[in-house]
Amino acid sequence: MRRDQFLHSLAALAAGGALPLTARAAAPVKMMIPANPAGGWDLTGRSLGKALIDSGAADTVQYENKGGAAGILGLAQFVNSAKGDPNAMMVMGAVMLGGIITGKPPVQLQQCTPIARITSEYNVFVVPAESPLKNMKDVVEQLKKDPGSVKWGGGSRGSTEHISASMLARAVGVDPKKVNYVAFRGGGEAVAAILGGNVTVGGSGYSEFAEHIAAGKMRTIGVTSAARLPGINVPTLKEQGYDVVLGNWRGVYGGPGITPAQRATLTDMIVKATRHKTWQDALQKNGWTPALLAGKPFDDFVDSEFASLRATMHLSGMLG
């Protein structure tokens, strides 16, 4: 076979996903991060991208941020731009499911290809260091007196911190519909609002607040886990007498219409990256719990999460 015929055949096989990753390593991974910079999804996507490169699973990673509507704007762009693209990935998670439930957008997650769940974490609630509210009990007392006076700041409507605030209100006898929740397009905006005293309480993953907590600019008042998180001395809402336990998780999806072989390749890449020291260091640094789940178990997990979140949001008064 002549060299030009060989190269033509090689290109055809690569386009069809028939070649192993190493044969098409020159194609960059395109990482859609459906949130603004400096938030949890952004940190997750960029940490994963670095692990993909350091592990040798990818040569290069291109990032694109598209924030808004609990990730729905990014999802819509991903659906439109990544169809059949074997190199496209999108960070997603429980927040996106909540946004889909509340927003009922025309674009659906099911249009994309599930790859893997990669982390799990819980929401930490904080107040500015100078806040007169010293703990969650103080917050609850103010919430009971005047629900609207407590501004809860966090991710988009339907995020786990939004659901948690509504669950807390319901648990203490306050109408969840009266929760004054201020949604932000990204973690950076939420942090700025908390530090500026523009919201009463902020909620997000610990990793988004860690440096400000360490610097004494924020004070932790509760976490939505069932037990205290290892290495993080934050009292749970449950141990403070509030029956609120809600986990968050993040995962990765591939583009619409990719083949089973291409899905398997992306899954292998994620598995390889999450085994690398770079990813293990990111887990420890950010307080993330490893939660790798792929294949049909991940498909079933997402279906179950949709049902569970819908029920929780209904009970919390978020669905009308």
Protein backbone atom coordinates (compact mmCIF):
# COMPACT_ATOMS: atom_id res chain seq x y z
CA MET A 1 0.00 0.00 0.00
CA ARG A 2 1.33 3.42 -0.95
CA ARG A 3 1.97 5.92 1.82
CA ASP A 4 -0.86 8.24 0.68
CA GLN A 5 -3.31 5.30 0.64
CA PHE A 6 -2.17 4.27 4.11
CA LEU A 7 -2.65 7.76 5.52
CA HIS A 8 -6.09 8.00 3.93
CA SER A 9 -7.09 4.68 5.51
CA LEU A 10 -5.68 5.76 8.87
CA ALA A 11 -7.69 8.99 8.79
CA ALA A 12 -10.87 7.10 7.94
CA LEU A 13 -10.38 4.67 10.80
CA ALA A 14 -9.66 7.50 13.25
CA ALA A 15 -12.77 9.39 12.19
CA GLY A 16 -14.86 6.30 12.79
CA GLY A 17 -13.43 5.72 16.25
CA ALA A 18 -11.84 2.41 15.22
CA LEU A 19 -8.34 3.37 16.31
CA PRO A 20 -7.10 3.26 19.91
CA LEU A 21 -6.63 6.54 21.73
CA THR A 22 -2.88 6.61 21.13
CA ALA A 23 -3.45 6.67 17.37
CA ARG A 24 -5.56 9.81 17.57
CA ALA A 25 -3.94 11.50 20.55
CA ALA A 26 -3.27 14.63 18.51
CA ALA A 27 -6.96 15.54 18.61
CA PRO A 28 -7.50 17.74 21.69
CA VAL A 29 -10.15 16.93 24.25
CA LYS A 30 -12.83 19.64 24.16
CA MET A 31 -14.05 20.20 27.71
CA MET A 32 -17.35 22.02 28.09
CA ILE A 33 -17.69 23.57 31.54
CA PRO A 34 -21.33 24.73 31.84
CA ALA A 35 -20.54 27.39 34.44
CA ASN A 36 -18.54 30.56 34.82
CA PRO A 37 -14.89 30.41 35.95
CA ALA A 38 -13.92 29.89 39.61
CA GLY A 39 -16.83 27.64 40.57
CA GLY A 40 -17.07 23.97 41.44
CA TRP A 41 -17.68 22.72 37.91
CA ASP A 42 -14.83 24.87 36.60
CA LEU A 43 -12.44 23.55 39.22
CA THR A 44 -13.58 19.99 38.54
CA GLY A 45 -13.24 20.29 34.76
CA ARG A 46 -9.80 21.88 34.87
CA SER A 47 -8.53 19.43 37.50
CA LEU A 48 -9.80 16.55 35.40
CA GLY A 49 -8.21 18.05 32.28
CA LYS A 50 -4.83 18.26 34.00
CA ALA A 51 -5.17 14.64 35.15
CA LEU A 52 -6.05 13.58 31.59
CA ILE A 53 -2.84 15.17 30.34
CA ASP A 54 -0.57 14.08 33.19
CA SER A 55 -1.82 10.49 32.94
CA GLY A 56 -1.21 10.39 29.21
CA ALA A 57 -4.89 9.86 28.42
CA ALA A 58 -4.90 13.09 26.38
CA ASP A 59 -2.24 15.31 24.84
CA THR A 60 -4.13 18.58 25.15
CA VAL A 61 -7.42 19.83 26.59
CA GLN A 62 -9.35 22.86 25.38
CA TYR A 63 -11.77 24.41 27.89
CA GLU A 64 -14.91 26.39 27.20
CA ASN A 65 -16.99 28.03 29.92
CA LYS A 66 -20.68 28.70 29.32
CA GLY A 67 -22.47 29.59 32.53
CA GLY A 68 -26.11 30.13 33.38
CA ALA A 69 -29.37 28.39 34.27
CA ALA A 70 -27.83 25.59 36.35
CA GLY A 71 -25.70 24.51 33.43
CA ILE A 72 -28.56 24.41 30.92
CA LEU A 73 -27.03 27.06 28.66
CA GLY A 74 -23.82 25.06 28.49
CA LEU A 75 -25.78 21.85 27.93
CA ALA A 76 -27.64 23.42 25.01
CA GLN A 77 -24.41 24.58 23.42
CA PHE A 78 -22.83 21.17 23.97
CA VAL A 79 -25.77 19.38 22.36
CA ASN A 80 -25.51 21.63 19.31
CA SER A 81 -21.73 21.64 18.93
CA ALA A 82 -20.60 18.18 20.04
CA LYS A 83 -22.89 15.88 18.04
CA GLY A 84 -20.88 12.84 16.96
CA ASP A 85 -17.63 14.35 18.32
CA PRO A 86 -15.61 11.57 20.01
CA ASN A 87 -13.29 14.09 21.69
CA ALA A 88 -15.95 16.21 23.41
CA MET A 89 -16.68 16.03 27.14
CA MET A 90 -18.97 18.01 29.43
CA VAL A 91 -18.80 18.36 33.19
CA MET A 92 -22.21 17.97 34.83
CA GLY A 93 -23.82 16.80 38.05
CA ALA A 94 -26.70 17.01 40.49
CA VAL A 95 -27.03 20.76 39.98
CA MET A 96 -27.79 20.30 36.29
CA LEU A 97 -30.46 17.71 37.08
CA GLY A 98 -32.09 20.17 39.48
CA GLY A 99 -31.99 22.89 36.85
CA ILE A 100 -33.64 20.63 34.30
CA ILE A 101 -36.39 19.71 36.76
CA THR A 102 -37.19 23.31 37.65
CA GLY A 103 -36.52 24.95 34.28
CA LYS A 104 -38.03 22.29 31.98
CA PRO A 105 -35.76 23.34 29.10
CA PRO A 106 -36.26 22.10 25.52
CA VAL A 107 -32.80 20.52 25.57
CA GLN A 108 -32.41 17.36 27.63
CA LEU A 109 -29.43 15.62 29.21
CA GLN A 110 -30.58 12.35 27.64
CA GLN A 111 -29.54 13.74 24.26
CA CYS A 112 -25.91 13.36 25.38
CA THR A 113 -23.90 10.24 26.25
CA PRO A 114 -23.30 9.35 29.91
CA ILE A 115 -19.66 8.55 30.68
CA ALA A 116 -18.96 8.53 34.42
CA ARG A 117 -19.60 9.99 37.86
CA ILE A 118 -16.27 11.11 39.31
CA THR A 119 -16.79 12.89 42.65
CA SER A 120 -19.23 13.35 45.48
CA GLU A 121 -19.33 16.13 48.03
CA TYR A 122 -21.66 17.99 50.36
CA ASN A 123 -22.64 21.64 50.66
CA VAL A 124 -21.02 23.76 53.32
CA PHE A 125 -22.88 26.85 54.54
CA VAL A 126 -20.88 29.92 55.51
CA VAL A 127 -21.43 33.48 56.70
CA PRO A 128 -19.08 36.47 56.35
CA ALA A 129 -16.61 36.65 59.23
CA GLU A 130 -18.14 39.88 60.51
CA SER A 131 -21.73 38.57 60.43
CA PRO A 132 -23.70 38.93 63.68
CA LEU A 133 -25.08 35.45 62.99
CA LYS A 134 -22.59 33.16 64.69
CA ASN A 135 -24.07 29.76 63.90
CA MET A 136 -26.93 27.99 62.16
CA LYS A 137 -29.15 28.40 65.22
CA ASP A 138 -28.89 32.19 64.81
CA VAL A 139 -29.75 31.87 61.13
CA VAL A 140 -32.78 29.70 61.89
CA GLU A 141 -34.05 32.12 64.53
CA GLN A 142 -33.90 34.98 62.04
CA LEU A 143 -35.46 32.79 59.36
CA LYS A 144 -38.42 32.08 61.63
CA LYS A 145 -38.89 35.74 62.48
CA ASP A 146 -38.59 37.07 58.95
CA PRO A 147 -37.86 34.52 56.18
CA GLY A 148 -37.23 37.19 53.57
CA SER A 149 -34.52 38.86 55.63
CA VAL A 150 -32.24 35.83 55.25
CA LYS A 151 -30.67 35.93 51.80
CA TRP A 152 -29.26 32.56 50.77
CA GLY A 153 -26.58 32.81 48.09
CA GLY A 154 -25.40 29.96 45.89
CA GLY A 155 -25.58 28.37 42.47
CA SER A 156 -28.45 28.46 40.03
CA ARG A 157 -32.06 27.81 40.95
CA GLY A 158 -32.44 24.10 41.61
CA SER A 159 -28.87 23.67 42.86
CA THR A 160 -28.21 21.45 45.87
CA GLU A 161 -27.60 24.50 48.08
CA HIS A 162 -30.98 25.91 47.00
CA ILE A 163 -32.67 22.59 47.76
CA SER A 164 -30.86 22.38 51.12
CA ALA A 165 -32.04 25.86 52.15
CA SER A 166 -35.62 24.91 51.25
CA MET A 167 -35.31 21.62 53.16
CA LEU A 168 -34.04 23.51 56.22
CA ALA A 169 -36.95 25.96 56.07
CA ARG A 170 -39.43 23.12 55.90
CA ALA A 171 -37.68 21.30 58.77
CA VAL A 172 -38.06 24.32 61.08
CA GLY A 173 -41.66 25.11 60.15
CA VAL A 174 -41.06 27.90 57.63
CA ASP A 175 -42.84 27.87 54.28
CA PRO A 176 -40.10 26.84 51.78
CA LYS A 177 -41.65 29.14 49.18
CA LYS A 178 -40.64 32.08 51.38
CA VAL A 179 -36.94 31.22 51.16
CA ASN A 180 -35.11 34.25 49.74
CA TYR A 181 -32.63 32.52 47.46
CA VAL A 182 -30.22 34.52 45.32
CA ALA A 183 -28.85 32.49 42.40
CA PHE A 184 -25.45 33.20 40.87
CA ARG A 185 -24.08 32.07 37.52
CA GLY A 186 -20.78 30.91 38.98
CA GLY A 187 -18.88 30.29 42.18
CA GLY A 188 -16.79 33.43 41.77
CA GLU A 189 -19.88 35.65 41.78
CA ALA A 190 -21.29 33.86 44.82
CA VAL A 191 -18.03 34.21 46.76
CA ALA A 192 -17.87 37.93 45.97
CA ALA A 193 -21.46 38.38 47.19
CA ILE A 194 -20.72 36.56 50.44
CA LEU A 195 -17.51 38.47 51.13
CA GLY A 196 -19.28 41.72 50.26
CA GLY A 197 -22.11 41.02 52.70
CA ASN A 198 -24.67 41.03 49.91
CA VAL A 199 -26.11 37.71 51.05
CA THR A 200 -26.70 36.47 54.59
CA VAL A 201 -25.60 32.87 54.09
CA GLY A 202 -23.62 31.25 51.28
CA GLY A 203 -23.66 27.62 50.26
CA SER A 204 -21.42 25.52 48.02
CA GLY A 205 -18.83 22.77 48.07
CA TYR A 206 -16.07 23.26 50.64
CA SER A 207 -13.45 23.61 47.90
CA GLU A 208 -14.99 26.87 46.68
CA PHE A 209 -14.72 28.48 50.12
CA ALA A 210 -11.57 26.84 51.51
CA GLU A 211 -9.10 29.67 50.95
CA HIS A 212 -11.49 32.28 52.37
CA ILE A 213 -12.26 30.12 55.40
CA ALA A 214 -8.52 29.61 55.99
CA ALA A 215 -7.96 33.36 55.66
CA GLY A 216 -10.60 34.07 58.31
CA LYS A 217 -12.93 35.87 55.87
CA MET A 218 -15.73 33.31 56.14
CA ARG A 219 -17.10 31.27 59.03
CA THR A 220 -18.56 27.80 58.51
CA ILE A 221 -21.89 27.10 60.19
CA GLY A 222 -22.96 23.72 58.82
CA VAL A 223 -22.53 20.96 56.25
CA THR A 224 -25.24 18.82 54.63
CA SER A 225 -23.49 15.48 55.19
CA ALA A 226 -24.75 12.78 57.58
CA ALA A 227 -21.44 12.84 59.51
CA ARG A 228 -18.60 15.34 59.78
CA LEU A 229 -16.31 15.32 56.78
CA PRO A 230 -12.78 13.96 57.32
CA GLY A 231 -10.28 16.74 57.86
CA ILE A 232 -12.97 19.43 57.83
CA ASN A 233 -14.20 20.41 61.30
CA VAL A 234 -17.65 21.64 60.32
CA PRO A 235 -20.75 20.56 62.32
CA THR A 236 -23.44 18.86 60.28
CA LEU A 237 -26.95 20.28 60.12
CA LYS A 238 -28.17 16.96 61.43
CA GLU A 239 -26.07 17.09 64.60
CA GLN A 240 -27.38 20.63 65.17
CA GLY A 241 -30.92 19.27 65.19
CA TYR A 242 -31.97 19.95 61.59
CA ASP A 243 -32.93 16.93 59.51
CA VAL A 244 -31.19 18.02 56.31
CA VAL A 245 -28.85 15.59 54.55
CA LEU A 246 -28.21 16.10 50.83
CA GLY A 247 -25.24 15.09 48.72
CA ASN A 248 -23.82 16.66 45.59
CA TRP A 249 -21.95 14.85 42.84
CA ARG A 250 -20.23 15.64 39.57
CA GLY A 251 -19.75 13.61 36.44
CA VAL A 252 -18.85 13.65 32.77
CA TYR A 253 -20.96 13.21 29.63
CA GLY A 254 -19.90 12.76 26.02
CA GLY A 255 -21.43 14.27 22.92
CA PRO A 256 -24.73 13.16 21.37
CA GLY A 257 -24.62 10.30 18.91
CA ILE A 258 -21.14 8.92 19.57
CA THR A 259 -20.67 5.19 19.03
CA PRO A 260 -20.42 2.57 21.81
CA ALA A 261 -16.71 2.20 20.97
CA GLN A 262 -16.17 5.95 21.29
CA ARG A 263 -18.04 5.97 24.59
CA ALA A 264 -15.80 3.15 25.82
CA THR A 265 -12.71 5.14 24.82
CA LEU A 266 -13.87 8.21 26.75
CA THR A 267 -14.67 6.01 29.74
CA ASP A 268 -11.19 4.47 29.66
CA MET A 269 -9.68 7.95 29.51
CA ILE A 270 -11.63 9.07 32.58
CA VAL A 271 -10.71 5.93 34.51
CA LYS A 272 -7.03 6.38 33.65
CA ALA A 273 -7.10 10.06 34.67
CA THR A 274 -8.83 9.40 38.00
CA ARG A 275 -6.20 6.81 38.93
CA HIS A 276 -3.37 9.29 38.44
CA LYS A 277 -1.67 11.11 41.30
CA THR A 278 -2.71 14.48 39.85
CA TRP A 279 -6.37 13.61 40.35
CA GLN A 280 -5.78 12.02 43.76
CA ASP A 281 -4.07 15.23 44.88
CA ALA A 282 -7.03 17.27 43.60
CA LEU A 283 -9.44 15.11 45.59
CA GLN A 284 -7.51 15.68 48.80
CA LYS A 285 -6.94 19.38 48.24
CA ASN A 286 -10.58 20.15 47.46
CA GLY A 287 -12.27 17.83 49.95
CA TRP A 288 -13.86 15.74 47.18
CA THR A 289 -14.86 12.15 47.77
CA PRO A 290 -13.89 9.77 44.95
CA ALA A 291 -17.07 8.30 43.47
CA LEU A 292 -16.17 6.69 40.15
CA LEU A 293 -19.13 5.03 38.48
CA ALA A 294 -19.42 4.20 34.78
CA GLY A 295 -21.38 2.15 32.26
CA LYS A 296 -24.94 1.02 32.95
CA PRO A 297 -24.60 1.57 36.73
CA PHE A 298 -23.99 5.27 36.00
CA ASP A 299 -26.95 5.36 33.57
CA ASP A 300 -29.18 3.86 36.27
CA PHE A 301 -27.77 6.20 38.92
CA VAL A 302 -28.67 9.31 36.88
CA ASP A 303 -32.22 8.02 36.34
CA SER A 304 -32.55 7.39 40.08
CA GLU A 305 -31.16 10.83 40.93
CA PHE A 306 -33.70 12.53 38.66
CA ALA A 307 -36.52 10.75 40.51
CA SER A 308 -35.05 11.39 43.97
CA LEU A 309 -34.34 15.08 43.36
CA ARG A 310 -37.79 15.64 41.87
CA ALA A 311 -39.39 14.13 44.99
CA THR A 312 -37.17 16.13 47.36
CA MET A 313 -37.84 19.40 45.53
CA HIS A 314 -41.57 18.74 45.54
CA LEU A 315 -41.55 18.13 49.31
CA SER A 316 -39.45 21.29 49.78
CA GLY A 317 -42.04 23.42 47.98
CA MET A 318 -39.83 24.23 45.01
CA LEU A 319 -42.09 22.81 42.31
CA GLY A 320 -45.24 24.72 43.05
